[in-house]
Amino acid sequence: MSLKTSLRDNPPLSVRILKEKQFRKYLQEPKLTAEDANFSVNSIKEFEEYLEKKKVSFECAGLDALKDYVSFLIEEDKNSMDRLVAIARYCNITKKDDYYVYLVSILGARNVLPDIGERIAIIAGEATRRKIFQGFELPPLGSPPENYPQLTQIIMDKLKAELPNETCRKILTWNYHKMSAETFKEKKERFERAESIDGYLKNEHKKFIEDLRGFMKEGRIWYEQKITPEVLDFVKGNQEICTGVRRGNRIYLTKIPYAPKQYLEESDPALKRYYACHCPLVRSALLDREIKISPMFCYCSGGYEKFCFDVIFDEPVEVELIESALKGNTRCRFAIKIPRGKMK
């Protein structure tokens, strides 16, 4: 019997969901079926029941309570993607920000390592993929980010031992988050209307600042980032952040820190690198001297950053890793090469 079937056939839990009407309305946007919506609602009710047994409310529970619950789900074999996504969605609408950011961090990169394996097979052959990935398994879904860096190190060490650096970069520089070109349709239209690349980038940065200002005023999380006045000023003062500045035939792009508020308040370089890094597969390694992951892995982030420009320029672009937390820098920075004939 499937988990969803079990929930459907059992009567609803008596625990009152905090904002059930609001949550059901929110679930209409991703166009969930009635069965899936009910599963999502019951997932929250089960979470609330768990917290009640621990004598704590959803509103007051700290992050450790969520981590304990996810560990419980793993032990009970109930750690499905649907269930964890339902909890993340509910935390988002109820502005339980620390819960939402944590859940996104343990779910967002879940398939990256297996997908790297598939790309290895495409570029270097199935035998190479098996050689690199043999001898270990991925941690269970929902495992904390700390469970991934050592595995990432092993894969990177094997990858570099088996293949030339150029092939490794080609494998890693990919759209592993599976973004759709449709995501950047409006950006592409604005680019086509712009008189120059410089003008386009300048206007995109202005628009980005206004978007962030809206998130700040509404108290909403932008991706995993909490936008404060200080964060807004920080982004406003550097057009490279999430937008880009052209120098010659390259566009230089800097990632917004993963935890920008903490990043701006921190003076210790090691912690600053930790707060800058977005990747849950490596972030905790920045605080662990025993784990050494090749900075080449950051080309995975380069693949993410360049995809927008692939769409804008109508062809795959080259990306160069300039700075990254794994390289010892306190920011992550890339150079996007403008394709021949696309300068304006």
Protein backbone atom coordinates (compact mmCIF):
# COMPACT_ATOMS: atom_id res chain seq x y z
CA MET A 1 0.00 0.00 0.00
CA SER A 2 1.35 3.41 -0.93
CA LEU A 3 1.79 6.18 1.61
CA LYS A 4 -0.76 8.34 -0.20
CA THR A 5 -3.31 5.53 -0.29
CA SER A 6 -2.83 4.94 3.41
CA LEU A 7 -3.51 8.59 4.17
CA ARG A 8 -6.51 8.71 1.87
CA ASP A 9 -8.17 5.66 3.39
CA ASN A 10 -7.63 6.68 7.02
CA PRO A 11 -9.82 9.34 8.62
CA PRO A 12 -8.29 12.81 9.03
CA LEU A 13 -6.26 13.47 12.14
CA SER A 14 -7.93 15.44 14.89
CA VAL A 15 -5.08 17.94 15.11
CA ARG A 16 -6.16 21.31 13.78
CA ILE A 17 -3.92 22.60 11.03
CA LEU A 18 -2.91 26.17 11.80
CA LYS A 19 -3.93 27.72 8.49
CA GLU A 20 -5.67 25.01 6.50
CA LYS A 21 -7.77 27.31 4.29
CA GLN A 22 -4.75 29.42 3.37
CA PHE A 23 -2.69 26.31 2.69
CA ARG A 24 -5.33 24.71 0.47
CA LYS A 25 -5.62 27.94 -1.51
CA TYR A 26 -1.84 28.01 -1.90
CA LEU A 27 -1.87 24.42 -3.16
CA GLN A 28 -4.12 25.43 -6.05
CA GLU A 29 -1.22 27.31 -7.65
CA PRO A 30 0.94 24.23 -8.33
CA LYS A 31 -2.30 22.60 -9.58
CA LEU A 32 -2.21 19.62 -7.26
CA THR A 33 -4.93 17.02 -7.58
CA ALA A 34 -7.45 16.81 -4.75
CA GLU A 35 -5.74 13.62 -3.56
CA ASP A 36 -2.31 15.27 -3.51
CA ALA A 37 -3.68 18.37 -1.77
CA ASN A 38 -5.24 16.19 0.93
CA PHE A 39 -1.95 14.34 1.30
CA SER A 40 -0.16 17.67 1.78
CA VAL A 41 -2.66 18.85 4.39
CA ASN A 42 -2.48 15.55 6.28
CA SER A 43 1.33 15.72 6.18
CA ILE A 44 1.16 19.00 8.11
CA LYS A 45 -1.38 17.59 10.53
CA GLU A 46 0.90 14.64 11.23
CA PHE A 47 3.77 17.05 11.84
CA GLU A 48 1.64 19.04 14.27
CA GLU A 49 0.63 15.88 16.08
CA TYR A 50 4.30 14.95 16.44
CA LEU A 51 5.08 18.39 17.89
CA GLU A 52 2.13 18.16 20.29
CA LYS A 53 3.50 14.91 21.66
CA LYS A 54 6.76 16.76 22.23
CA LYS A 55 4.73 19.45 24.04
CA VAL A 56 5.67 22.23 21.62
CA SER A 57 3.62 24.19 19.08
CA PHE A 58 4.48 24.64 15.42
CA GLU A 59 4.80 28.40 15.94
CA CYS A 60 7.26 28.09 18.84
CA ALA A 61 9.25 25.02 17.80
CA GLY A 62 12.92 25.58 17.04
CA LEU A 63 14.85 24.21 14.09
CA ASP A 64 16.01 21.18 16.07
CA ALA A 65 12.39 20.05 16.31
CA LEU A 66 12.15 19.95 12.51
CA LYS A 67 15.45 18.08 12.23
CA ASP A 68 14.24 15.54 14.78
CA TYR A 69 11.01 15.08 12.85
CA VAL A 70 12.79 14.52 9.55
CA SER A 71 15.01 11.93 11.27
CA PHE A 72 11.85 10.29 12.57
CA LEU A 73 10.38 10.21 9.04
CA ILE A 74 13.57 8.55 7.77
CA GLU A 75 13.37 5.90 10.50
CA GLU A 76 9.70 5.26 9.68
CA ASP A 77 10.35 5.17 5.92
CA LYS A 78 8.00 8.12 5.44
CA ASN A 79 10.60 10.54 4.11
CA SER A 80 8.99 10.93 0.70
CA MET A 81 9.69 13.94 -1.49
CA ASP A 82 5.97 14.77 -1.57
CA ARG A 83 5.78 14.88 2.22
CA LEU A 84 8.89 17.02 2.69
CA VAL A 85 7.85 19.40 -0.10
CA ALA A 86 4.42 19.75 1.53
CA ILE A 87 6.05 20.75 4.83
CA ALA A 88 8.35 23.20 3.01
CA ARG A 89 5.39 24.81 1.24
CA TYR A 90 3.49 25.20 4.48
CA CYS A 91 6.54 26.71 6.20
CA ASN A 92 6.84 29.17 3.32
CA ILE A 93 3.29 30.51 3.57
CA THR A 94 3.40 30.64 7.38
CA LYS A 95 6.77 32.45 7.23
CA LYS A 96 8.52 29.81 9.31
CA ASP A 97 11.63 30.96 7.48
CA ASP A 98 14.28 28.90 9.25
CA TYR A 99 12.28 25.72 8.54
CA TYR A 100 11.70 26.65 4.90
CA VAL A 101 15.36 27.47 4.21
CA TYR A 102 16.51 24.25 5.86
CA LEU A 103 14.09 22.10 3.89
CA VAL A 104 15.05 23.75 0.62
CA SER A 105 18.70 23.11 1.43
CA ILE A 106 18.17 19.35 1.97
CA LEU A 107 15.90 18.94 -1.04
CA GLY A 108 17.29 21.32 -3.66
CA ALA A 109 20.49 19.47 -4.49
CA ARG A 110 19.21 15.96 -3.82
CA ASN A 111 19.48 14.77 -7.42
CA VAL A 112 22.64 16.64 -8.40
CA LEU A 113 25.10 13.81 -7.69
CA PRO A 114 23.03 11.13 -9.48
CA ASP A 115 22.55 13.52 -12.40
CA ILE A 116 26.30 14.11 -12.53
CA GLY A 117 26.61 10.35 -12.81
CA GLU A 118 24.23 10.31 -15.77
CA ARG A 119 26.19 13.06 -17.49
CA ILE A 120 29.45 11.18 -16.90
CA ALA A 121 27.87 8.20 -18.67
CA ILE A 122 26.83 10.39 -21.63
CA ILE A 123 30.23 12.05 -22.03
CA ALA A 124 32.68 9.41 -20.81
CA GLY A 125 30.71 6.18 -20.96
CA GLU A 126 28.74 3.98 -18.56
CA ALA A 127 31.84 2.08 -17.47
CA THR A 128 33.42 5.33 -16.24
CA ARG A 129 30.25 6.28 -14.38
CA ARG A 130 30.19 2.89 -12.61
CA LYS A 131 33.87 3.18 -11.72
CA ILE A 132 33.38 6.62 -10.16
CA PHE A 133 30.12 5.86 -8.34
CA GLN A 134 30.76 2.30 -7.17
CA GLY A 135 31.08 1.47 -3.49
CA PHE A 136 28.71 3.93 -1.88
CA GLU A 137 25.06 5.00 -1.71
CA LEU A 138 23.42 8.37 -1.34
CA PRO A 139 22.23 9.27 2.18
CA PRO A 140 18.46 8.84 2.68
CA LEU A 141 16.25 11.66 1.43
CA GLY A 142 16.02 14.30 4.16
CA SER A 143 19.50 13.66 5.52
CA PRO A 144 21.23 16.77 6.87
CA PRO A 145 23.64 18.63 4.56
CA GLU A 146 26.56 17.52 6.75
CA ASN A 147 26.13 13.99 5.33
CA TYR A 148 27.07 15.02 1.78
CA PRO A 149 30.51 16.75 1.61
CA GLN A 150 32.61 13.63 2.20
CA LEU A 151 30.69 11.85 -0.56
CA THR A 152 31.16 14.86 -2.85
CA GLN A 153 34.90 14.78 -2.15
CA ILE A 154 35.12 11.07 -3.06
CA ILE A 155 33.25 11.60 -6.33
CA MET A 156 35.36 14.62 -7.29
CA ASP A 157 38.62 12.82 -6.47
CA LYS A 158 37.58 9.85 -8.60
CA LEU A 159 36.34 12.09 -11.41
CA LYS A 160 39.62 13.99 -11.60
CA ALA A 161 41.61 10.76 -11.43
CA GLU A 162 39.69 9.23 -14.34
CA LEU A 163 39.24 12.17 -16.73
CA PRO A 164 41.15 15.24 -17.99
CA ASN A 165 40.32 18.56 -16.32
CA GLU A 166 38.64 19.89 -19.46
CA THR A 167 36.27 16.89 -19.54
CA CYS A 168 35.57 17.24 -15.81
CA ARG A 169 34.60 20.90 -16.28
CA LYS A 170 32.39 19.96 -19.22
CA ILE A 171 30.59 17.38 -17.10
CA LEU A 172 30.11 19.71 -14.14
CA THR A 173 29.08 22.80 -16.11
CA TRP A 174 25.48 21.83 -16.67
CA ASN A 175 21.90 22.81 -15.81
CA TYR A 176 21.63 20.34 -12.94
CA HIS A 177 18.74 22.23 -11.35
CA LYS A 178 16.80 21.57 -14.56
CA MET A 179 15.59 25.11 -15.07
CA SER A 180 13.34 25.67 -18.04
CA ALA A 181 14.26 28.13 -20.78
CA GLU A 182 10.72 29.48 -20.31
CA THR A 183 11.89 30.84 -16.93
CA PHE A 184 13.98 33.43 -18.76
CA LYS A 185 11.57 34.24 -21.57
CA GLU A 186 10.91 37.78 -20.35
CA LYS A 187 14.62 38.42 -19.76
CA LYS A 188 15.32 37.35 -23.33
CA GLU A 189 12.60 39.67 -24.65
CA ARG A 190 14.06 42.58 -22.67
CA PHE A 191 17.52 41.75 -23.98
CA GLU A 192 16.30 41.74 -27.57
CA ARG A 193 14.71 45.19 -27.08
CA ALA A 194 17.83 46.65 -25.42
CA GLU A 195 20.19 48.81 -27.46
CA SER A 196 23.28 47.42 -25.76
CA ILE A 197 24.38 44.68 -23.39
CA ASP A 198 25.49 47.34 -20.90
CA GLY A 199 22.08 49.02 -20.99
CA TYR A 200 20.33 45.67 -20.60
CA LEU A 201 22.41 44.68 -17.57
CA LYS A 202 21.95 48.07 -15.92
CA ASN A 203 18.18 47.91 -16.33
CA GLU A 204 18.06 44.29 -15.14
CA HIS A 205 19.87 45.29 -11.97
CA LYS A 206 17.40 48.11 -11.31
CA LYS A 207 14.52 45.66 -11.79
CA PHE A 208 16.21 43.14 -9.53
CA ILE A 209 16.57 45.73 -6.77
CA GLU A 210 12.88 46.58 -7.02
CA ASP A 211 11.97 42.90 -6.85
CA LEU A 212 14.09 42.45 -3.73
CA ARG A 213 12.55 45.57 -2.19
CA GLY A 214 9.13 43.98 -2.66
CA PHE A 215 10.23 40.79 -0.90
CA MET A 216 11.70 42.85 1.94
CA LYS A 217 8.52 44.91 2.43
CA GLU A 218 6.33 41.81 2.42
CA GLY A 219 8.68 39.88 4.71
CA ARG A 220 9.02 37.06 2.19
CA ILE A 221 12.05 34.88 1.54
CA TRP A 222 13.66 35.37 -1.89
CA TYR A 223 14.72 31.82 -2.80
CA GLU A 224 16.58 31.03 0.46
CA GLN A 225 17.61 34.62 1.19
CA LYS A 226 16.11 36.93 3.79
CA ILE A 227 16.21 40.47 2.44
CA THR A 228 16.95 43.19 5.00
CA PRO A 229 17.69 46.89 4.35
CA GLU A 230 21.40 46.10 4.75
CA VAL A 231 21.20 43.25 2.24
CA LEU A 232 19.31 45.46 -0.20
CA ASP A 233 21.96 48.18 0.06
CA PHE A 234 24.69 45.57 -0.41
CA VAL A 235 23.14 44.29 -3.64
CA LYS A 236 22.29 47.79 -4.80
CA GLY A 237 25.94 48.77 -4.47
CA ASN A 238 27.26 46.02 -6.74
CA GLN A 239 25.67 45.43 -10.14
CA GLU A 240 27.63 42.19 -10.50
CA ILE A 241 25.44 40.51 -7.86
CA CYS A 242 22.87 38.31 -9.62
CA THR A 243 22.97 40.56 -12.72
CA GLY A 244 26.41 41.17 -14.16
CA VAL A 245 28.80 43.84 -15.45
CA ARG A 246 30.39 43.65 -18.91
CA ARG A 247 34.10 44.13 -19.25
CA GLY A 248 35.36 43.49 -22.76
CA ASN A 249 33.74 40.37 -24.14
CA ARG A 250 32.87 38.94 -20.72
CA ILE A 251 30.09 39.49 -18.23
CA TYR A 252 31.28 39.24 -14.62
CA LEU A 253 28.69 37.86 -12.25
CA THR A 254 28.80 37.49 -8.45
CA LYS A 255 26.39 35.28 -6.53
CA ILE A 256 24.45 36.79 -3.67
CA PRO A 257 25.65 35.14 -0.43
CA TYR A 258 23.55 32.18 0.67
CA ALA A 259 22.97 33.79 4.06
CA PRO A 260 23.46 37.48 3.23
CA LYS A 261 22.47 38.92 6.60
CA GLN A 262 24.95 36.73 8.49
CA TYR A 263 27.55 37.26 5.74
CA LEU A 264 27.43 41.02 6.14
CA GLU A 265 27.68 40.81 9.92
CA GLU A 266 30.57 38.31 9.92
CA SER A 267 34.27 39.27 9.99
CA ASP A 268 35.84 35.81 10.28
CA PRO A 269 36.92 34.74 6.74
CA ALA A 270 36.08 31.05 7.28
CA LEU A 271 32.56 31.80 8.44
CA LYS A 272 32.17 34.40 5.71
CA ARG A 273 32.98 31.70 3.12
CA TYR A 274 30.46 29.41 4.80
CA TYR A 275 27.73 32.06 4.63
CA ALA A 276 28.61 32.82 1.01
CA CYS A 277 28.34 29.23 -0.27
CA HIS A 278 24.99 28.06 -1.67
CA CYS A 279 25.78 24.39 -2.23
CA PRO A 280 24.50 21.97 0.45
CA LEU A 281 26.74 19.29 -1.04
CA VAL A 282 29.88 21.14 0.09
CA ARG A 283 28.97 24.00 2.45
CA SER A 284 29.67 22.28 5.78
CA ALA A 285 33.09 21.19 4.45
CA LEU A 286 34.13 24.83 4.62
CA LEU A 287 34.14 24.46 8.41
CA ASP A 288 35.81 21.03 8.39
CA ARG A 289 39.56 20.95 7.76
CA GLU A 290 39.50 17.19 7.20
CA ILE A 291 37.39 17.43 4.04
CA LYS A 292 39.03 18.93 0.96
CA ILE A 293 36.76 19.23 -2.07
CA SER A 294 38.21 20.34 -5.38
CA PRO A 295 37.12 23.90 -6.29
CA MET A 296 36.39 22.50 -9.74
CA PHE A 297 33.09 21.30 -8.27
CA CYS A 298 32.00 24.96 -8.33
CA TYR A 299 31.63 24.67 -12.11
CA CYS A 300 28.31 23.06 -11.21
CA SER A 301 27.30 26.48 -9.89
CA GLY A 302 28.75 27.98 -13.06
CA GLY A 303 26.35 25.83 -15.07
CA TYR A 304 23.48 27.27 -13.06
CA GLU A 305 24.62 30.85 -13.53
CA LYS A 306 25.28 30.59 -17.26
CA PHE A 307 21.96 29.04 -18.22
CA CYS A 308 20.16 32.39 -18.26
CA PHE A 309 22.75 33.66 -20.74
CA ASP A 310 22.43 30.48 -22.83
CA VAL A 311 18.79 31.45 -23.28
CA ILE A 312 19.45 35.16 -23.86
CA PHE A 313 22.16 34.57 -26.48
CA ASP A 314 20.37 31.61 -28.10
CA GLU A 315 23.41 29.36 -27.73
CA PRO A 316 25.51 27.73 -25.00
CA VAL A 317 27.99 30.19 -23.53
CA GLU A 318 31.38 29.58 -21.92
CA VAL A 319 31.75 30.23 -18.20
CA GLU A 320 34.95 30.62 -16.17
CA LEU A 321 35.19 30.19 -12.41
CA ILE A 322 36.96 33.28 -11.03
CA GLU A 323 36.41 33.05 -7.27
CA SER A 324 34.60 30.64 -4.96
CA ALA A 325 34.38 29.67 -1.31
CA LEU A 326 36.07 26.34 -2.09
CA LYS A 327 38.96 28.28 -3.66
CA GLY A 328 39.37 30.22 -0.41
CA ASN A 329 37.55 33.38 -1.51
CA THR A 330 34.77 35.07 0.43
CA ARG A 331 32.54 35.32 -2.63
CA CYS A 332 31.59 33.21 -5.67
CA ARG A 333 32.25 34.93 -8.99
CA PHE A 334 32.08 33.88 -12.63
CA ALA A 335 32.91 35.28 -16.06
CA ILE A 336 30.43 34.63 -18.89
CA LYS A 337 31.97 34.85 -22.35
CA ILE A 338 29.76 36.74 -24.83
CA PRO A 339 29.45 34.59 -27.99
CA ARG A 340 30.98 35.82 -31.23
CA GLY A 341 28.56 38.07 -33.11
CA LYS A 342 26.31 38.68 -30.09
CA MET A 343 27.94 41.89 -28.83
CA LYS A 344 25.80 45.00 -29.07
